[in-house]
């Protein structure tokens, strides 16, 4: 995802930067793959554990967007 979008979503949710999973430095903007890649990386690194509440937001071409909040596991 785009860093401005990540920062904006985190700010609106009141999340500190260390709670936001970002892999832009490693992969760049992977578009539709951003959320699955970030989830996989965060689970493998134990940043997301069973029972955690995870917020996800995706933005696409034009004005398309979606968001969800799930309890992991």
N, C-alpha and C. Protein backbone atom coordinates (compact mmCIF):
# COMPACT_ATOMS: atom_id res chain seq x y z
N UNK A 1 0.84 -1.19 0.00
CA UNK A 1 0.00 0.00 0.00
C UNK A 1 0.88 1.25 0.00
N UNK A 2 0.26 2.34 -0.26
CA UNK A 2 0.92 3.64 -0.29
C UNK A 2 1.16 4.13 1.14
N UNK A 3 2.33 4.67 1.43
CA UNK A 3 2.65 5.12 2.79
C UNK A 3 1.68 6.19 3.29
N UNK A 4 1.27 7.10 2.44
CA UNK A 4 0.31 8.14 2.87
C UNK A 4 -1.00 7.50 3.32
N UNK A 5 -1.45 6.48 2.60
CA UNK A 5 -2.69 5.80 2.98
C UNK A 5 -2.51 5.07 4.30
N UNK A 6 -1.41 4.35 4.46
CA UNK A 6 -1.15 3.66 5.72
C UNK A 6 -1.13 4.63 6.89
N UNK A 7 -0.44 5.75 6.72
CA UNK A 7 -0.35 6.75 7.79
C UNK A 7 -1.72 7.34 8.11
N UNK A 8 -2.51 7.61 7.08
CA UNK A 8 -3.84 8.20 7.27
C UNK A 8 -4.78 7.24 8.00
N UNK A 9 -4.78 5.98 7.60
CA UNK A 9 -5.64 4.99 8.25
C UNK A 9 -5.22 4.83 9.71
N UNK A 10 -3.92 4.73 9.97
CA UNK A 10 -3.43 4.59 11.34
C UNK A 10 -3.84 5.79 12.20
N UNK A 11 -3.71 6.98 11.64
CA UNK A 11 -4.08 8.19 12.39
C UNK A 11 -5.57 8.19 12.72
N UNK A 12 -6.40 7.85 11.75
CA UNK A 12 -7.85 7.84 11.99
C UNK A 12 -8.26 6.80 13.02
N UNK A 13 -7.50 5.69 13.08
CA UNK A 13 -7.81 4.64 14.05
C UNK A 13 -7.10 4.87 15.38
N UNK A 14 -6.27 5.91 15.45
CA UNK A 14 -5.55 6.20 16.68
C UNK A 14 -4.45 5.19 16.98
N UNK A 15 -3.86 4.62 15.94
CA UNK A 15 -2.82 3.61 16.12
C UNK A 15 -1.43 4.23 16.02
N UNK A 16 -0.54 3.88 16.94
CA UNK A 16 0.84 4.35 16.82
C UNK A 16 1.52 3.63 15.65
N UNK A 17 2.54 4.24 15.06
CA UNK A 17 3.20 3.65 13.89
C UNK A 17 3.72 2.22 14.11
N UNK A 18 4.12 1.88 15.34
CA UNK A 18 4.66 0.54 15.57
C UNK A 18 3.59 -0.55 15.51
N UNK A 19 2.32 -0.16 15.46
CA UNK A 19 1.22 -1.14 15.35
C UNK A 19 0.80 -1.36 13.90
N UNK A 20 1.41 -0.66 12.97
CA UNK A 20 1.06 -0.75 11.55
C UNK A 20 2.08 -1.64 10.85
N UNK A 21 1.57 -2.65 10.14
CA UNK A 21 2.45 -3.54 9.37
C UNK A 21 2.69 -2.89 8.02
N UNK A 22 3.94 -2.61 7.72
CA UNK A 22 4.30 -2.02 6.44
C UNK A 22 5.52 -2.75 5.89
N UNK A 23 5.43 -3.18 4.64
CA UNK A 23 6.57 -3.84 4.00
C UNK A 23 6.96 -3.10 2.72
N UNK A 24 6.64 -1.81 2.67
CA UNK A 24 6.97 -1.00 1.50
C UNK A 24 8.47 -1.00 1.20
N UNK A 25 9.29 -0.95 2.22
CA UNK A 25 10.74 -0.91 2.01
C UNK A 25 11.25 -2.19 1.36
N UNK A 26 10.59 -3.31 1.67
CA UNK A 26 11.03 -4.60 1.13
C UNK A 26 10.48 -4.88 -0.27
N UNK A 27 9.20 -4.56 -0.50
CA UNK A 27 8.53 -4.98 -1.73
C UNK A 27 8.01 -3.83 -2.59
N UNK A 28 7.96 -2.61 -2.06
CA UNK A 28 7.32 -1.52 -2.79
C UNK A 28 5.81 -1.66 -2.70
N UNK A 29 5.08 -0.92 -3.51
CA UNK A 29 3.62 -0.99 -3.51
C UNK A 29 3.21 -2.18 -4.36
N UNK A 30 2.69 -3.22 -3.71
CA UNK A 30 2.32 -4.45 -4.41
C UNK A 30 0.85 -4.49 -4.79
N UNK A 31 0.17 -3.38 -4.65
CA UNK A 31 -1.23 -3.25 -5.08
C UNK A 31 -2.11 -4.30 -4.41
N UNK A 32 -2.77 -5.15 -5.18
CA UNK A 32 -3.71 -6.13 -4.62
C UNK A 32 -3.05 -7.14 -3.69
N UNK A 33 -1.75 -7.32 -3.81
CA UNK A 33 -1.05 -8.27 -2.95
C UNK A 33 -0.61 -7.70 -1.62
N UNK A 34 -0.81 -6.42 -1.40
CA UNK A 34 -0.30 -5.76 -0.19
C UNK A 34 -0.82 -6.39 1.10
N UNK A 35 -2.11 -6.59 1.21
CA UNK A 35 -2.68 -7.11 2.45
C UNK A 35 -2.27 -8.56 2.69
N UNK A 36 -2.42 -9.48 1.71
CA UNK A 36 -1.98 -10.86 1.97
C UNK A 36 -0.49 -10.97 2.32
N UNK A 37 0.35 -10.21 1.63
CA UNK A 37 1.79 -10.25 1.93
C UNK A 37 2.07 -9.73 3.35
N UNK A 38 1.43 -8.63 3.72
CA UNK A 38 1.65 -8.06 5.06
C UNK A 38 1.13 -9.00 6.14
N UNK A 39 -0.03 -9.63 5.92
CA UNK A 39 -0.57 -10.57 6.90
C UNK A 39 0.37 -11.76 7.08
N UNK A 40 0.83 -12.34 5.98
CA UNK A 40 1.73 -13.49 6.07
C UNK A 40 3.00 -13.13 6.83
N UNK A 41 3.58 -12.00 6.49
CA UNK A 41 4.81 -11.56 7.15
C UNK A 41 4.57 -11.33 8.65
N UNK A 42 3.47 -10.68 8.99
CA UNK A 42 3.18 -10.36 10.40
C UNK A 42 2.90 -11.62 11.21
N UNK A 43 2.22 -12.60 10.63
CA UNK A 43 1.95 -13.85 11.34
C UNK A 43 3.25 -14.62 11.55
N UNK A 44 4.07 -14.70 10.51
CA UNK A 44 5.35 -15.42 10.63
C UNK A 44 6.26 -14.77 11.67
N UNK A 45 6.23 -13.44 11.76
CA UNK A 45 7.06 -12.70 12.72
C UNK A 45 6.42 -12.59 14.11
N UNK A 46 5.25 -13.21 14.27
CA UNK A 46 4.52 -13.21 15.55
C UNK A 46 4.03 -11.82 15.96
N UNK A 47 3.89 -10.91 14.97
CA UNK A 47 3.30 -9.60 15.26
C UNK A 47 1.78 -9.71 15.30
N UNK A 48 1.23 -10.74 14.66
CA UNK A 48 -0.19 -11.06 14.75
C UNK A 48 -0.29 -12.46 15.32
N UNK A 49 -1.05 -12.58 16.41
CA UNK A 49 -1.22 -13.86 17.08
C UNK A 49 -2.71 -14.18 17.18
N UNK A 50 -3.01 -15.44 17.42
CA UNK A 50 -4.40 -15.86 17.57
C UNK A 50 -5.08 -15.01 18.63
N UNK A 51 -6.27 -14.53 18.30
CA UNK A 51 -7.05 -13.69 19.21
C UNK A 51 -6.85 -12.20 19.01
N UNK A 52 -5.81 -11.80 18.28
CA UNK A 52 -5.59 -10.37 18.01
C UNK A 52 -6.69 -9.81 17.12
N UNK A 53 -6.98 -8.54 17.30
CA UNK A 53 -7.92 -7.84 16.42
C UNK A 53 -7.08 -7.16 15.34
N UNK A 54 -7.43 -7.45 14.07
CA UNK A 54 -6.66 -6.96 12.93
C UNK A 54 -7.56 -6.10 12.05
N UNK A 55 -7.13 -4.87 11.76
CA UNK A 55 -7.85 -3.99 10.84
C UNK A 55 -7.12 -4.00 9.51
N UNK A 56 -7.88 -4.10 8.43
CA UNK A 56 -7.31 -4.10 7.09
C UNK A 56 -8.07 -3.10 6.24
N UNK A 57 -7.35 -2.36 5.41
CA UNK A 57 -7.99 -1.43 4.49
C UNK A 57 -7.26 -1.49 3.16
N UNK A 58 -8.04 -1.57 2.08
CA UNK A 58 -7.46 -1.63 0.75
C UNK A 58 -8.07 -0.57 -0.15
N UNK A 59 -7.26 -0.03 -1.03
CA UNK A 59 -7.70 1.02 -1.94
C UNK A 59 -7.25 0.66 -3.34
N UNK A 60 -8.13 0.86 -4.32
CA UNK A 60 -7.80 0.52 -5.69
C UNK A 60 -7.97 1.69 -6.63
N UNK A 61 -8.03 1.34 -7.90
CA UNK A 61 -8.16 2.37 -8.94
C UNK A 61 -9.46 3.14 -8.78
N UNK A 62 -9.42 4.39 -9.13
CA UNK A 62 -10.62 5.22 -9.00
C UNK A 62 -10.97 5.43 -7.55
N UNK A 63 -12.22 5.18 -7.22
CA UNK A 63 -12.67 5.37 -5.84
C UNK A 63 -13.01 4.05 -5.17
N UNK A 64 -12.42 2.93 -5.61
CA UNK A 64 -12.72 1.65 -4.98
C UNK A 64 -11.93 1.50 -3.69
N UNK A 65 -12.59 0.92 -2.68
CA UNK A 65 -11.93 0.69 -1.41
C UNK A 65 -12.74 -0.33 -0.61
N UNK A 66 -12.10 -0.92 0.37
CA UNK A 66 -12.77 -1.85 1.28
C UNK A 66 -11.99 -1.87 2.59
N UNK A 67 -12.67 -2.22 3.65
CA UNK A 67 -12.01 -2.33 4.95
C UNK A 67 -12.72 -3.39 5.77
N UNK A 68 -11.98 -4.02 6.66
CA UNK A 68 -12.59 -4.99 7.57
C UNK A 68 -11.77 -5.05 8.85
N UNK A 69 -12.45 -5.47 9.90
CA UNK A 69 -11.80 -5.71 11.18
C UNK A 69 -12.16 -7.13 11.57
N UNK A 70 -11.13 -7.95 11.86
CA UNK A 70 -11.36 -9.35 12.19
C UNK A 70 -10.59 -9.72 13.45
N UNK A 71 -11.09 -10.73 14.15
CA UNK A 71 -10.33 -11.32 15.25
C UNK A 71 -9.57 -12.48 14.64
N UNK A 72 -8.24 -12.44 14.72
CA UNK A 72 -7.39 -13.41 14.04
C UNK A 72 -7.49 -14.78 14.72
N UNK A 73 -7.63 -15.80 13.89
CA UNK A 73 -7.63 -17.18 14.39
C UNK A 73 -8.99 -17.70 14.50
